[in-house]
C-alpha cells in the first residue's frame, strides 16, 4: 500500500490549546505533519488520513529546548485556527 506524508506550517497569533497537550501553547509557527495511505481497489487515486501531528518545543528558559511530536485531532487544529483568526472583542 502506498503511503505519503505532507508537511505544512501554521501560525497562531494568540496562545491556544489542543487536546493531548498540557497547558496553553504560545503563539508562533508550528509544523503540522499528516500521514495518509492510499485506498486500494478504487478506479481513481484516493487517500485516507491515518495520523496528524504537531511539533512543539519543550523546556523553558535555562533548560535545553527539545522538540516533541504529538498526535492531534485535525478537527481540533482547525477549530483552534478558526478561534485564532477571530478578531479580539473590542473593549
C-alpha atoms as a PDB file:
ATOM      1  CA  UNK A   1       0.000   0.000   0.000  1.00  0.00           C
ATOM      2  CA  UNK A   2       1.263   3.444  -0.924  1.00  0.00           C
ATOM      3  CA  UNK A   3       1.678   5.986   1.876  1.00  0.00           C
ATOM      4  CA  UNK A   4       2.508   9.674   1.791  1.00  0.00           C
ATOM      5  CA  UNK A   5       3.357  12.387   4.301  1.00  0.00           C
ATOM      6  CA  UNK A   6       2.678  16.084   3.847  1.00  0.00           C
ATOM      7  CA  UNK A   7       4.081  18.871   5.984  1.00  0.00           C
ATOM      8  CA  UNK A   8       2.742  22.392   6.425  1.00  0.00           C
ATOM      9  CA  UNK A   9       3.359  25.269   8.781  1.00  0.00           C
ATOM     10  CA  UNK A  10       0.534  27.009  10.617  1.00  0.00           C
ATOM     11  CA  UNK A  11       0.835  30.221  12.615  1.00  0.00           C
ATOM     12  CA  UNK A  12      -1.022  31.289  15.743  1.00  0.00           C
ATOM     13  CA  UNK A  13      -1.155  34.887  16.935  1.00  0.00           C
ATOM     14  CA  UNK A  14      -2.535  34.001  20.380  1.00  0.00           C
ATOM     15  CA  UNK A  15      -1.977  31.188  22.912  1.00  0.00           C
ATOM     16  CA  UNK A  16      -4.022  28.084  22.123  1.00  0.00           C
ATOM     17  CA  UNK A  17      -4.836  24.629  23.458  1.00  0.00           C
ATOM     18  CA  UNK A  18      -5.063  21.212  21.811  1.00  0.00           C
ATOM     19  CA  UNK A  19      -6.266  18.032  23.497  1.00  0.00           C
ATOM     20  CA  UNK A  20      -3.363  15.794  24.468  1.00  0.00           C
ATOM     21  CA  UNK A  21      -1.033  18.701  25.218  1.00  0.00           C
ATOM     22  CA  UNK A  22      -0.801  20.049  28.767  1.00  0.00           C
ATOM     23  CA  UNK A  23      -1.409  23.761  29.147  1.00  0.00           C
ATOM     24  CA  UNK A  24      -1.529  26.511  26.564  1.00  0.00           C
ATOM     25  CA  UNK A  25       0.859  26.633  23.648  1.00  0.00           C
ATOM     26  CA  UNK A  26       2.393  30.025  22.914  1.00  0.00           C
ATOM     27  CA  UNK A  27       1.763  31.984  19.717  1.00  0.00           C
ATOM     28  CA  UNK A  28       4.108  31.155  16.861  1.00  0.00           C
ATOM     29  CA  UNK A  29       4.672  28.897  13.876  1.00  0.00           C
ATOM     30  CA  UNK A  30       4.086  25.157  14.205  1.00  0.00           C
ATOM     31  CA  UNK A  31       4.893  22.292  11.864  1.00  0.00           C
ATOM     32  CA  UNK A  32       1.946  20.010  11.086  1.00  0.00           C
ATOM     33  CA  UNK A  33       2.580  16.592   9.554  1.00  0.00           C
ATOM     34  CA  UNK A  34      -0.179  14.469   8.019  1.00  0.00           C
ATOM     35  CA  UNK A  35       0.260  10.799   7.098  1.00  0.00           C
ATOM     36  CA  UNK A  36      -2.115   9.252   4.579  1.00  0.00           C
ATOM     37  CA  UNK A  37      -2.490   5.841   2.964  1.00  0.00           C
ATOM     38  CA  UNK A  38      -3.836   5.121  -0.463  1.00  0.00           C
ATOM     39  CA  UNK A  39      -7.261   3.475  -0.527  1.00  0.00           C
ATOM     40  CA  UNK A  40      -6.876   0.322  -2.634  1.00  0.00           C
ATOM     41  CA  UNK A  41      -9.395  -1.030  -5.120  1.00  0.00           C
ATOM     42  CA  UNK A  42     -10.789   2.272  -6.396  1.00  0.00           C
ATOM     43  CA  UNK A  43     -10.855   3.315 -10.058  1.00  0.00           C
ATOM     44  CA  UNK A  44      -9.275   6.633  -9.007  1.00  0.00           C
ATOM     45  CA  UNK A  45      -6.500   7.611  -6.610  1.00  0.00           C
ATOM     46  CA  UNK A  46      -7.744   8.493  -3.135  1.00  0.00           C
ATOM     47  CA  UNK A  47      -6.144   8.684   0.299  1.00  0.00           C
ATOM     48  CA  UNK A  48      -7.325   8.335   3.879  1.00  0.00           C
ATOM     49  CA  UNK A  49      -5.663  10.240   6.717  1.00  0.00           C
ATOM     50  CA  UNK A  50      -4.015   7.946   9.249  1.00  0.00           C
ATOM     51  CA  UNK A  51      -2.282  10.454  11.539  1.00  0.00           C
ATOM     52  CA  UNK A  52      -1.887  14.190  12.087  1.00  0.00           C
ATOM     53  CA  UNK A  53       0.808  15.541  14.404  1.00  0.00           C
ATOM     54  CA  UNK A  54       2.179  18.859  15.616  1.00  0.00           C
ATOM     55  CA  UNK A  55       5.766  19.577  16.602  1.00  0.00           C
ATOM     56  CA  UNK A  56       6.098  21.636  19.792  1.00  0.00           C
ATOM     57  CA  UNK A  57       9.101  22.988  21.659  1.00  0.00           C
ATOM     58  CA  UNK A  58       9.536  21.704  25.196  1.00  0.00           C
ATOM     59  CA  UNK A  59      11.676  23.016  28.010  1.00  0.00           C
ATOM     60  CA  UNK A  60      11.817  26.566  29.241  1.00  0.00           C
ATOM     61  CA  UNK A  61      14.395  29.196  29.915  1.00  0.00           C
ATOM     62  CA  UNK A  62      17.556  27.843  31.422  1.00  0.00           C
ATOM     63  CA  UNK A  63      16.980  24.339  30.134  1.00  0.00           C
ATOM     64  CA  UNK A  64      17.704  22.643  26.859  1.00  0.00           C
ATOM     65  CA  UNK A  65      14.980  23.141  24.276  1.00  0.00           C
ATOM     66  CA  UNK A  66      13.719  19.939  22.752  1.00  0.00           C
ATOM     67  CA  UNK A  67      11.093  19.117  20.187  1.00  0.00           C
ATOM     68  CA  UNK A  68       8.145  16.864  20.873  1.00  0.00           C
ATOM     69  CA  UNK A  69       5.847  15.415  18.212  1.00  0.00           C
ATOM     70  CA  UNK A  70       2.264  14.984  19.446  1.00  0.00           C
ATOM     71  CA  UNK A  71      -0.540  13.226  17.570  1.00  0.00           C
ATOM     72  CA  UNK A  72      -3.577  15.505  17.386  1.00  0.00           C
ATOM     73  CA  UNK A  73      -7.145  15.508  16.103  1.00  0.00           C
ATOM     74  CA  UNK A  74      -7.130  17.531  12.863  1.00  0.00           C
ATOM     75  CA  UNK A  75     -10.622  18.897  13.545  1.00  0.00           C
ATOM     76  CA  UNK A  76      -9.366  20.366  16.858  1.00  0.00           C
ATOM     77  CA  UNK A  77      -6.497  22.007  14.992  1.00  0.00           C
ATOM     78  CA  UNK A  78      -8.978  23.529  12.534  1.00  0.00           C
ATOM     79  CA  UNK A  79     -11.090  24.824  15.445  1.00  0.00           C
ATOM     80  CA  UNK A  80      -8.042  26.329  17.173  1.00  0.00           C
ATOM     81  CA  UNK A  81      -7.002  28.064  13.941  1.00  0.00           C
ATOM     82  CA  UNK A  82     -10.542  29.423  13.438  1.00  0.00           C
ATOM     83  CA  UNK A  83     -10.599  30.772  17.001  1.00  0.00           C
ATOM     84  CA  UNK A  84      -7.209  32.386  16.471  1.00  0.00           C
ATOM     85  CA  UNK A  85      -8.436  34.091  13.304  1.00  0.00           C
ATOM     86  CA  UNK A  86     -11.390  35.736  15.081  1.00  0.00           C
ATOM     87  CA  UNK A  87     -10.986  39.404  15.883  1.00  0.00           C
ATOM     88  CA  UNK A  88     -10.484  40.233  19.535  1.00  0.00           C
ATOM     89  CA  UNK A  89     -13.596  41.645  21.226  1.00  0.00           C
ATOM     90  CA  UNK A  90     -13.436  45.409  21.494  1.00  0.00           C
ATOM     91  CA  UNK A  91     -13.062  46.776  24.962  1.00  0.00           C
END
